[in-house]
């Protein structure tokens, strides 16, 4: 007697390089939302201030940067109010850093779950990025509140380039996700890479215009400086909220292309190695 029942899905180790099965993520959308909810709740459990840390972290960091780089070192902010200057850089840097750190430990932190039940592994890093997007969105409202105060009390003006903010957030999220997917495969095989990458991540912040404007970078280094996708993101954001000058459209387009390629490479490597990595952990 023949069995004509069709399999709903089949798991095998012969995954092709571009066999992403992204539509499968839609069938697990409820699980994705549960992971997002878990990440948001677990982040502030057993803390004194709870969700208020969403506001406290950027505010305290901004004040520290203002005291060190604004008052002591006295780095120019290009005519932008220092509080808003540092806060704008911190928002995007923290968003990228959180997305990267939340993604790069996908296999190490979820090994027990991955070895017991099947679901698209890509859901875990996606849920991390979405949860950090929610936090960044809340922090963006804090920025707009402070910006509104300076809009009334000083002579700063915004432009229609502020409408590019969703695109800038998308570029930042893609940069963090793509980088994190690649790193997650590498750190699962080579644990000592974790320490090296954390050190490089701290150095990378100083290659990003978080605490200084692009205008102070020497001309001979600006080409390399603009290859950093976050440079175009932060400078475009500041130009939209604080400047009447046109944005650097070419670096922004280059950043979009870089992030897209990085994201495609990250997803491809992640999907190709997701089953093999579990044999190594």
Protein backbone atom coordinates (compact mmCIF):
# COMPACT_ATOMS: atom_id res chain seq x y z
CA UNK A 1 0.00 0.00 0.00
CA UNK A 2 1.47 3.32 -1.09
CA UNK A 3 1.67 6.26 1.26
CA UNK A 4 0.61 9.38 -0.64
CA UNK A 5 0.96 11.77 2.29
CA UNK A 6 3.20 14.73 1.43
CA UNK A 7 5.75 16.05 3.85
CA UNK A 8 5.11 19.54 5.23
CA UNK A 9 8.86 20.16 5.40
CA UNK A 10 12.05 18.18 5.19
CA UNK A 11 15.33 18.78 7.02
CA UNK A 12 18.60 17.71 5.44
CA UNK A 13 22.26 18.69 5.59
CA UNK A 14 22.55 19.39 1.87
CA UNK A 15 21.41 23.00 1.97
CA UNK A 16 22.21 24.92 -1.18
CA UNK A 17 23.95 28.27 -1.03
CA UNK A 18 20.92 30.36 -1.98
CA UNK A 19 18.22 28.14 -0.51
CA UNK A 20 16.89 30.71 1.96
CA UNK A 21 13.25 29.58 2.31
CA UNK A 22 12.30 33.07 3.46
CA UNK A 23 8.53 32.51 2.92
CA UNK A 24 8.81 29.94 5.72
CA UNK A 25 9.33 32.82 8.15
CA UNK A 26 5.76 33.96 7.54
CA UNK A 27 4.40 30.63 8.76
CA UNK A 28 6.29 31.18 12.03
CA UNK A 29 5.28 34.82 12.49
CA UNK A 30 3.57 34.05 15.80
CA UNK A 31 6.78 32.52 17.13
CA UNK A 32 8.67 35.59 15.91
CA UNK A 33 6.34 37.90 17.83
CA UNK A 34 6.70 35.75 20.95
CA UNK A 35 10.48 35.99 20.75
CA UNK A 36 10.22 39.78 20.36
CA UNK A 37 7.95 39.97 23.40
CA UNK A 38 10.34 37.75 25.35
CA UNK A 39 13.33 39.94 24.49
CA UNK A 40 11.52 43.14 25.48
CA UNK A 41 10.30 41.76 28.80
CA UNK A 42 13.46 39.87 29.77
CA UNK A 43 15.71 42.88 29.17
CA UNK A 44 14.41 44.81 32.18
CA UNK A 45 13.23 42.11 34.55
CA UNK A 46 14.64 42.29 38.09
CA UNK A 47 15.85 45.86 37.58
CA UNK A 48 15.04 48.82 39.81
CA UNK A 49 14.13 51.23 37.01
CA UNK A 50 12.68 48.67 34.62
CA UNK A 51 11.67 50.09 31.20
CA UNK A 52 12.95 53.54 32.22
CA UNK A 53 16.41 52.27 31.25
CA UNK A 54 15.30 52.77 27.64
CA UNK A 55 15.53 56.51 28.33
CA UNK A 56 18.24 56.48 30.97
CA UNK A 57 20.91 54.78 28.84
CA UNK A 58 21.03 57.36 26.00
CA UNK A 59 20.55 60.29 28.40
CA UNK A 60 23.41 59.27 30.71
CA UNK A 61 25.70 58.46 27.78
CA UNK A 62 24.89 61.82 26.17
CA UNK A 63 25.71 63.69 29.37
CA UNK A 64 29.03 61.86 29.76
CA UNK A 65 29.99 62.59 26.14
CA UNK A 66 28.95 66.22 26.61
CA UNK A 67 31.19 66.61 29.66
CA UNK A 68 34.20 64.82 28.16
CA UNK A 69 34.13 65.78 24.49
CA UNK A 70 32.16 69.02 24.75
CA UNK A 71 33.57 70.63 27.89
CA UNK A 72 36.98 69.03 28.42
CA UNK A 73 38.23 68.11 24.95
CA UNK A 74 36.06 70.81 23.34
CA UNK A 75 35.47 69.11 20.00
CA UNK A 76 33.38 71.21 17.63
CA UNK A 77 29.82 70.09 16.91
CA UNK A 78 29.47 72.18 13.76
CA UNK A 79 27.00 74.63 15.25
CA UNK A 80 24.61 71.90 16.40
CA UNK A 81 23.53 72.03 20.07
CA UNK A 82 25.90 69.57 21.79
CA UNK A 83 23.17 67.59 23.56
CA UNK A 84 21.35 66.94 20.28
CA UNK A 85 24.59 66.30 18.44
CA UNK A 86 25.75 63.57 20.80
CA UNK A 87 22.28 62.11 21.27
CA UNK A 88 21.75 61.72 17.51
CA UNK A 89 25.05 59.86 17.15
CA UNK A 90 24.39 57.70 20.20
CA UNK A 91 20.94 56.64 18.94
CA UNK A 92 22.25 55.19 15.70
CA UNK A 93 25.48 53.79 17.12
CA UNK A 94 23.62 52.05 19.97
CA UNK A 95 21.06 50.71 17.52
CA UNK A 96 23.76 49.20 15.31
CA UNK A 97 25.77 47.88 18.29
CA UNK A 98 22.70 46.31 19.92
CA UNK A 99 21.60 44.65 16.67
CA UNK A 100 25.10 43.27 16.11
CA UNK A 101 25.55 42.00 19.68
CA UNK A 102 22.04 40.57 19.79
CA UNK A 103 22.64 38.65 16.56
CA UNK A 104 26.22 37.46 16.91
CA UNK A 105 25.41 35.11 19.82
CA UNK A 106 22.49 33.41 18.06
CA UNK A 107 23.99 29.92 18.10
CA UNK A 108 25.82 30.15 21.42
CA UNK A 109 22.82 31.40 23.41
CA UNK A 110 20.19 29.19 21.75
CA UNK A 111 22.08 25.92 21.31
CA UNK A 112 19.77 24.03 23.70
CA UNK A 113 16.65 25.16 21.85
CA UNK A 114 18.08 24.59 18.38
CA UNK A 115 19.06 21.00 19.25
CA UNK A 116 15.56 20.06 20.47
CA UNK A 117 13.00 21.56 18.10
CA UNK A 118 12.89 22.77 14.53
CA UNK A 119 11.94 26.27 13.43
CA UNK A 120 13.65 28.70 11.03
CA UNK A 121 16.81 29.72 12.88
CA UNK A 122 16.70 33.11 11.21
CA UNK A 123 13.74 33.98 13.44
CA UNK A 124 16.02 34.42 16.46
CA UNK A 125 18.28 37.17 15.02
CA UNK A 126 15.25 38.82 13.39
CA UNK A 127 13.44 38.95 16.72
CA UNK A 128 16.49 40.56 18.32
CA UNK A 129 16.65 43.25 15.63
CA UNK A 130 12.91 43.95 15.90
CA UNK A 131 13.05 44.27 19.69
CA UNK A 132 15.97 46.72 19.42
CA UNK A 133 14.02 48.61 16.76
CA UNK A 134 11.19 49.08 19.25
CA UNK A 135 13.61 50.45 21.85
CA UNK A 136 15.24 52.77 19.32
CA UNK A 137 11.83 54.02 18.23
CA UNK A 138 11.03 54.95 21.84
CA UNK A 139 14.39 56.68 22.19
CA UNK A 140 13.72 58.57 18.96
CA UNK A 141 10.64 60.10 20.59
CA UNK A 142 12.93 61.28 23.39
CA UNK A 143 15.18 62.89 20.78
CA UNK A 144 12.17 64.60 19.14
CA UNK A 145 11.01 65.92 22.51
CA UNK A 146 14.41 67.52 23.21
CA UNK A 147 14.63 68.67 19.60
CA UNK A 148 11.28 70.43 19.96
CA UNK A 149 12.64 72.38 22.93
CA UNK A 150 15.66 73.59 20.97
CA UNK A 151 13.46 74.29 17.95
CA UNK A 152 11.59 76.85 20.03
CA UNK A 153 14.50 78.29 22.03
CA UNK A 154 17.25 78.41 19.36
CA UNK A 155 17.67 79.06 15.64
CA UNK A 156 17.99 75.46 14.41
CA UNK A 157 15.79 74.44 11.49
CA UNK A 158 14.93 71.11 9.91
CA UNK A 159 14.46 70.10 6.29
CA UNK A 160 12.37 67.57 4.41
CA UNK A 161 15.34 65.18 4.64
CA UNK A 162 13.94 64.15 8.03
CA UNK A 163 11.59 61.96 5.98
CA UNK A 164 14.61 59.74 5.27
CA UNK A 165 14.72 58.67 8.93
CA UNK A 166 12.92 55.32 8.34
CA UNK A 167 15.40 54.53 5.56
CA UNK A 168 18.32 55.41 7.84
CA UNK A 169 16.97 53.09 10.53
CA UNK A 170 16.55 50.34 7.94
CA UNK A 171 20.15 50.76 6.75
CA UNK A 172 21.43 50.62 10.34
CA UNK A 173 19.37 47.52 11.13
CA UNK A 174 20.54 45.80 7.95
CA UNK A 175 24.16 46.64 8.76
CA UNK A 176 23.85 45.20 12.26
CA UNK A 177 21.90 42.12 11.13
CA UNK A 178 24.17 41.30 8.19
CA UNK A 179 27.33 41.71 10.26
CA UNK A 180 25.84 39.76 13.16
CA UNK A 181 24.81 36.80 10.98
CA UNK A 182 28.33 36.44 9.62
CA UNK A 183 29.91 36.82 13.06
CA UNK A 184 27.45 34.34 14.63
CA UNK A 185 28.74 31.56 12.39
CA UNK A 186 32.38 32.45 13.05
CA UNK A 187 32.08 32.81 16.84
CA UNK A 188 30.26 29.47 17.07
CA UNK A 189 33.35 27.79 15.62
CA UNK A 190 36.06 30.01 17.10
CA UNK A 191 35.11 31.24 20.57
CA UNK A 192 38.12 33.53 21.01
CA UNK A 193 36.85 35.73 18.16
CA UNK A 194 34.33 37.13 20.61
CA UNK A 195 36.97 39.06 22.57
CA UNK A 196 38.63 40.34 19.41
CA UNK A 197 35.37 41.52 17.88
CA UNK A 198 34.27 43.32 21.03
CA UNK A 199 37.58 45.18 21.04
CA UNK A 200 37.26 46.05 17.34
CA UNK A 201 33.69 47.20 17.89
CA UNK A 202 34.87 49.76 20.47
CA UNK A 203 37.49 51.02 18.04
CA UNK A 204 34.93 51.16 15.23
CA UNK A 205 32.89 53.67 17.21
CA UNK A 206 35.71 56.19 16.87
CA UNK A 207 35.69 55.61 13.10
CA UNK A 208 32.05 56.72 13.17
CA UNK A 209 31.01 60.39 13.61
CA UNK A 210 29.34 59.86 16.98
CA UNK A 211 31.27 62.45 18.99
CA UNK A 212 32.70 64.59 16.19
CA UNK A 213 31.49 65.99 12.84
CA UNK A 214 32.75 64.81 9.47
CA UNK A 215 34.15 68.26 8.74
CA UNK A 216 37.13 67.74 11.07
CA UNK A 217 38.30 64.58 9.27
CA UNK A 218 41.40 65.29 7.11
CA UNK A 219 40.64 65.40 3.40
CA UNK A 220 42.95 62.49 2.52
CA UNK A 221 41.04 60.15 4.85
CA UNK A 222 37.48 61.14 3.98
CA UNK A 223 37.06 58.54 1.24
CA UNK A 224 37.75 55.71 3.68
CA UNK A 225 35.67 57.48 6.30
CA UNK A 226 32.62 57.57 4.01
CA UNK A 227 32.93 53.84 3.29
CA UNK A 228 31.56 53.30 6.79
CA UNK A 229 27.77 52.95 6.24
CA UNK A 230 27.05 54.59 9.60
CA UNK A 231 28.86 57.76 8.53
CA UNK A 232 26.32 58.48 5.81
CA UNK A 233 23.46 57.47 8.09
CA UNK A 234 24.40 59.78 10.97
CA UNK A 235 25.42 62.70 8.75
CA UNK A 236 22.16 62.45 6.77
CA UNK A 237 20.14 62.37 9.97
CA UNK A 238 21.91 65.45 11.31
CA UNK A 239 21.57 67.25 7.98
CA UNK A 240 17.83 66.62 8.01
CA UNK A 241 17.30 67.97 11.51
CA UNK A 242 19.94 70.69 11.78
CA UNK A 243 21.11 71.90 8.37
CA UNK A 244 19.79 73.58 5.25
CA UNK A 245 22.65 72.19 3.19
CA UNK A 246 22.04 69.26 0.78
CA UNK A 247 22.90 65.79 1.99
CA UNK A 248 25.68 63.62 0.61
CA UNK A 249 23.51 61.49 -1.67
CA UNK A 250 26.31 59.44 -3.26
CA UNK A 251 27.74 58.18 0.08
CA UNK A 252 24.20 57.32 1.16
CA UNK A 253 23.62 55.27 -1.99
CA UNK A 254 26.98 53.55 -1.50
CA UNK A 255 25.99 52.74 2.09
CA UNK A 256 22.72 51.20 0.85
CA UNK A 257 24.64 49.03 -1.63
CA UNK A 258 27.20 47.97 1.00
CA UNK A 259 24.53 47.01 3.52
CA UNK A 260 22.50 45.12 0.91
CA UNK A 261 25.53 43.07 -0.13
CA UNK A 262 26.47 42.44 3.49
CA UNK A 263 22.93 41.35 4.32
CA UNK A 264 22.77 38.97 1.35
CA UNK A 265 26.13 37.50 2.32
CA UNK A 266 25.09 37.17 5.96
CA UNK A 267 21.80 35.41 5.20
CA UNK A 268 23.46 33.10 2.67
CA UNK A 269 26.24 32.07 5.06
CA UNK A 270 23.84 31.71 7.99
CA UNK A 271 21.41 29.48 6.07
CA UNK A 272 24.22 27.40 4.61
CA UNK A 273 25.92 26.74 7.95
CA UNK A 274 23.01 26.70 10.42
CA UNK A 275 22.82 22.90 10.61
CA UNK A 276 26.57 22.25 10.49
CA UNK A 277 27.29 24.76 13.25
CA UNK A 278 25.12 22.81 15.68
CA UNK A 279 27.51 19.86 15.38
CA UNK A 280 30.38 22.10 16.49
CA UNK A 281 28.82 23.77 19.54
